[in-house]
N, C-alpha and C. Protein backbone atom coordinates (compact mmCIF):
# COMPACT_ATOMS: atom_id res chain seq x y z
N MET A 1 -1.14 4.05 3.17
CA MET A 1 0.14 2.37 2.94
C MET A 1 0.95 2.85 2.17
N SER A 2 2.51 2.82 2.88
CA SER A 2 3.48 2.70 2.19
C SER A 2 4.11 2.25 2.42
N LYS A 3 5.11 0.93 0.97
CA LYS A 3 5.46 -0.20 0.15
C LYS A 3 6.23 0.94 -0.26
N PRO A 4 7.17 -0.90 -0.14
CA PRO A 4 8.17 0.00 -1.38
C PRO A 4 7.58 -0.70 -2.82
N PRO A 5 8.96 0.01 -4.09
CA PRO A 5 8.19 -0.72 -5.03
C PRO A 5 7.95 -2.12 -4.67
N ALA A 6 8.33 -2.78 -6.08
CA ALA A 6 7.81 -4.58 -6.43
C ALA A 6 9.57 -4.27 -7.10
N LYS A 7 10.60 -5.86 -7.04
CA LYS A 7 11.18 -5.64 -8.21
C LYS A 7 10.67 -5.84 -9.70
N ILE A 8 11.50 -5.06 -10.75
CA ILE A 8 11.20 -4.85 -11.61
C ILE A 8 10.34 -6.78 -12.67
N GLU A 9 10.67 -7.47 -12.20
CA GLU A 9 10.74 -8.96 -12.51
C GLU A 9 9.35 -9.06 -12.44
N ASP A 10 8.48 -8.66 -11.30
CA ASP A 10 7.27 -8.45 -10.21
C ASP A 10 5.75 -8.29 -10.97
N TYR A 11 5.90 -7.32 -12.36
CA TYR A 11 5.31 -6.12 -13.14
C TYR A 11 5.01 -7.13 -13.95
N ALA A 12 3.38 -6.63 -14.07
CA ALA A 12 3.27 -6.93 -15.40
C ALA A 12 2.97 -5.66 -15.65
N PHE A 13 2.92 -5.36 -17.82
CA PHE A 13 2.79 -4.75 -18.40
C PHE A 13 1.07 -4.20 -19.01
N LEU A 14 0.36 -3.91 -18.49
CA LEU A 14 -0.77 -3.69 -19.06
C LEU A 14 -0.86 -2.38 -20.61
N SER A 15 -2.07 -2.37 -21.17
CA SER A 15 -2.11 -2.04 -22.10
C SER A 15 -3.36 -1.88 -23.13
N ASP A 16 -3.84 -0.48 -23.27
CA ASP A 16 -4.64 -0.67 -24.68
C ASP A 16 -4.40 -0.34 -25.47
N THR A 17 -3.25 -0.04 -26.31
CA THR A 17 -1.97 0.64 -26.87
C THR A 17 -2.13 1.68 -27.00
N GLN A 18 -3.35 3.06 -26.36
CA GLN A 18 -3.10 4.46 -26.67
C GLN A 18 -2.13 5.19 -24.73
N SER A 19 -2.84 4.44 -23.79
CA SER A 19 -1.78 4.23 -22.09
C SER A 19 -1.03 3.38 -22.19
N GLY A 20 -0.53 3.13 -20.53
CA GLY A 20 0.10 1.83 -20.48
C GLY A 20 0.67 1.77 -19.12
N ALA A 21 0.34 0.39 -17.91
CA ALA A 21 0.40 0.77 -16.56
C ALA A 21 1.58 -0.32 -16.14
N LEU A 22 1.90 -0.24 -15.31
CA LEU A 22 2.46 -1.14 -14.55
C LEU A 22 1.93 -1.65 -13.19
N VAL A 23 1.46 -2.94 -12.76
CA VAL A 23 1.11 -3.89 -12.73
C VAL A 23 2.19 -4.84 -11.01
N SER A 24 2.33 -4.81 -10.43
CA SER A 24 2.78 -5.60 -9.36
C SER A 24 2.01 -6.76 -8.72
N ARG A 25 2.70 -7.91 -8.85
CA ARG A 25 1.94 -9.27 -8.34
C ARG A 25 0.97 -8.66 -7.27
N GLU A 26 1.09 -8.23 -6.05
CA GLU A 26 0.75 -8.16 -5.24
C GLU A 26 -0.59 -6.96 -5.91
N GLY A 27 -0.71 -6.72 -6.70
CA GLY A 27 -1.95 -5.79 -7.48
C GLY A 27 -2.18 -4.75 -6.95
N CYS A 28 -0.94 -3.68 -7.19
CA CYS A 28 -0.32 -2.33 -7.37
C CYS A 28 0.10 -1.88 -8.83
N VAL A 29 -0.90 -1.08 -8.92
CA VAL A 29 -0.89 -0.01 -10.19
C VAL A 29 0.37 0.76 -9.79
N ASP A 30 1.76 0.62 -10.20
CA ASP A 30 2.59 1.81 -9.47
C ASP A 30 3.01 2.40 -10.40
N TRP A 31 2.74 2.44 -12.00
CA TRP A 31 2.52 3.57 -12.29
C TRP A 31 1.84 3.27 -14.16
N LEU A 32 1.35 4.78 -14.25
CA LEU A 32 0.42 4.42 -14.66
C LEU A 32 0.27 5.91 -15.86
N CYS A 33 0.11 6.09 -17.36
CA CYS A 33 0.36 6.68 -17.60
C CYS A 33 -1.28 6.86 -18.52
N PHE A 34 -2.24 7.74 -18.42
CA PHE A 34 -3.12 8.00 -18.66
C PHE A 34 -3.58 9.99 -19.35
N PRO A 35 -4.37 9.96 -20.66
CA PRO A 35 -5.07 9.17 -21.67
C PRO A 35 -3.98 8.06 -22.67
N ARG A 36 -2.28 8.82 -22.59
CA ARG A 36 -2.02 8.66 -23.26
C ARG A 36 -0.52 7.84 -22.54
N PHE A 37 0.39 7.15 -23.37
CA PHE A 37 1.68 7.64 -23.55
C PHE A 37 2.58 8.03 -22.31
N ASP A 38 2.50 9.26 -23.70
CA ASP A 38 3.14 10.40 -23.69
C ASP A 38 2.60 11.73 -22.48
N SER A 39 1.66 10.96 -21.60
CA SER A 39 0.61 11.57 -20.63
C SER A 39 1.46 12.06 -19.60
N PRO A 40 1.59 12.80 -18.78
CA PRO A 40 2.31 12.91 -17.74
C PRO A 40 1.38 11.37 -16.97
N ALA A 41 2.31 10.84 -16.02
CA ALA A 41 2.36 9.89 -15.26
C ALA A 41 0.99 10.76 -14.04
N CYS A 42 0.11 9.74 -13.76
CA CYS A 42 -0.94 9.31 -12.97
C CYS A 42 -1.00 8.70 -11.87
N PHE A 43 -0.34 7.64 -11.53
CA PHE A 43 0.56 7.43 -10.36
C PHE A 43 2.05 6.62 -10.48
N ALA A 44 2.39 7.02 -10.10
CA ALA A 44 4.01 6.87 -10.35
C ALA A 44 5.60 6.70 -8.84
N SER A 45 4.39 6.06 -8.64
CA SER A 45 5.18 5.14 -7.37
C SER A 45 6.77 4.80 -7.43
N LEU A 46 6.24 4.67 -8.38
CA LEU A 46 8.27 3.66 -9.16
C LEU A 46 9.05 4.81 -8.96
N LEU A 47 8.78 5.78 -8.70
CA LEU A 47 9.94 6.99 -8.43
C LEU A 47 9.88 7.00 -6.57
N GLY A 48 9.89 6.33 -6.20
CA GLY A 48 9.89 6.25 -4.77
C GLY A 48 9.34 7.36 -3.68
N LYS A 49 8.78 8.96 -4.40
CA LYS A 49 8.36 9.10 -2.80
C LYS A 49 6.18 9.40 -3.00
N LYS A 50 5.99 9.35 -2.18
CA LYS A 50 4.46 8.80 -1.68
C LYS A 50 3.85 9.52 -1.89
N GLU A 51 3.93 11.04 -2.23
CA GLU A 51 3.54 11.74 -3.24
C GLU A 51 2.79 11.67 -4.74
N ASN A 52 3.99 10.67 -5.15
CA ASN A 52 3.65 10.12 -6.15
C ASN A 52 2.11 9.78 -6.66
N GLY A 53 1.68 8.68 -5.39
CA GLY A 53 0.84 7.50 -5.33
C GLY A 53 1.31 6.23 -6.21
N HIS A 54 -0.26 5.82 -5.74
CA HIS A 54 0.06 4.11 -6.64
C HIS A 54 -1.68 3.83 -6.00
N TRP A 55 -1.90 2.65 -6.69
CA TRP A 55 -3.57 2.65 -6.81
C TRP A 55 -3.26 1.03 -6.63
N LEU A 56 -4.12 0.77 -4.97
CA LEU A 56 -3.64 -0.77 -4.87
C LEU A 56 -4.85 -1.75 -4.55
N PHE A 57 -5.34 -2.55 -5.13
CA PHE A 57 -6.60 -3.42 -4.89
C PHE A 57 -6.16 -5.04 -4.19
N PHE A 58 -6.46 -5.64 -3.56
CA PHE A 58 -6.07 -6.61 -3.29
C PHE A 58 -7.34 -8.12 -2.40
N PRO A 59 -7.47 -8.49 -1.83
CA PRO A 59 -8.25 -9.34 -0.68
C PRO A 59 -7.87 -8.57 0.57
N VAL A 60 -8.83 -8.84 1.36
CA VAL A 60 -8.59 -8.78 3.15
C VAL A 60 -7.87 -9.96 3.77
N ALA A 61 -8.06 -10.76 3.29
CA ALA A 61 -7.10 -12.34 3.83
C ALA A 61 -5.62 -11.66 3.65
N LYS A 62 -5.07 -11.87 3.49
CA LYS A 62 -3.46 -12.64 3.53
C LYS A 62 -3.73 -13.38 2.57
N ILE A 63 -2.47 -13.01 1.27
CA ILE A 63 -2.42 -14.31 0.44
C ILE A 63 -1.65 -14.78 0.40
N GLU A 64 -1.54 -15.82 -0.37
CA GLU A 64 -1.19 -17.35 0.03
C GLU A 64 -0.39 -17.32 -1.24
N LYS A 65 -1.05 -17.73 -2.09
CA LYS A 65 -0.48 -17.33 -3.47
C LYS A 65 -0.50 -17.04 -4.88
N VAL A 66 -0.13 -16.08 -5.39
CA VAL A 66 0.20 -15.45 -6.99
C VAL A 66 0.21 -16.00 -7.97
N LYS A 67 -0.70 -16.31 -9.33
CA LYS A 67 -0.72 -16.80 -10.60
C LYS A 67 -1.08 -15.95 -11.49
N ARG A 68 -0.07 -15.18 -11.84
CA ARG A 68 -0.63 -14.78 -13.49
C ARG A 68 0.34 -15.17 -15.15
N ARG A 69 -0.99 -14.60 -15.98
CA ARG A 69 -0.64 -15.09 -17.31
C ARG A 69 -1.45 -14.69 -18.09
N TYR A 70 -0.02 -13.94 -19.31
CA TYR A 70 -1.21 -13.44 -20.25
C TYR A 70 -1.60 -14.99 -20.99
N ARG A 71 -2.56 -13.98 -21.16
CA ARG A 71 -3.56 -14.76 -22.11
C ARG A 71 -3.16 -14.80 -23.91
N GLY A 72 -3.07 -16.17 -24.08
CA GLY A 72 -2.29 -16.27 -25.52
C GLY A 72 -0.71 -14.99 -26.15
N ASP A 73 -0.96 -14.63 -26.97
CA ASP A 73 -0.34 -13.39 -27.51
C ASP A 73 -0.80 -11.69 -27.30
N THR A 74 -1.79 -11.64 -26.36
CA THR A 74 -2.77 -10.76 -25.75
C THR A 74 -1.59 -9.88 -24.40
N LEU A 75 -2.12 -8.56 -24.93
CA LEU A 75 -1.92 -7.99 -22.89
C LEU A 75 -2.36 -8.27 -21.89
N ILE A 76 -3.80 -9.07 -22.39
CA ILE A 76 -4.50 -9.34 -21.57
C ILE A 76 -4.04 -9.87 -19.93
N LEU A 77 -4.59 -9.56 -18.78
CA LEU A 77 -3.29 -10.70 -17.74
C LEU A 77 -4.73 -10.40 -17.46
N GLU A 78 -4.09 -12.36 -17.18
CA GLU A 78 -5.12 -12.97 -15.68
C GLU A 78 -3.99 -12.68 -14.65
N THR A 79 -4.92 -13.21 -13.48
CA THR A 79 -5.08 -13.12 -12.18
C THR A 79 -5.32 -14.41 -11.24
N GLU A 80 -4.68 -15.34 -11.02
CA GLU A 80 -5.18 -15.81 -9.46
C GLU A 80 -4.84 -16.09 -8.38
N ILE A 81 -5.32 -14.81 -6.47
CA ILE A 81 -4.89 -14.86 -6.08
C ILE A 81 -5.57 -15.95 -4.82
N GLU A 82 -4.63 -16.87 -4.33
CA GLU A 82 -5.39 -17.49 -2.97
C GLU A 82 -4.96 -16.59 -1.89
N THR A 83 -6.21 -17.59 -0.92
CA THR A 83 -6.03 -16.49 0.20
C THR A 83 -6.54 -17.34 1.83
């Protein structure tokens, strides 16, 4: 599945303080450095080439509405997807 990267404001940042990921509103991990921030990227589709890869997880039905928020003062992301 080929797709253009999301706008930067549509990404959420996830981290466990050791690594980090950028996740689009549609549930696509477009950037992931693992197991540490200074590791090479596992997924790097932000660079625009198909071979850089991404991980996409979403409902089979058409997405009608997405609501996201960080829980309190944490990097825990809550996502609600309505189909």
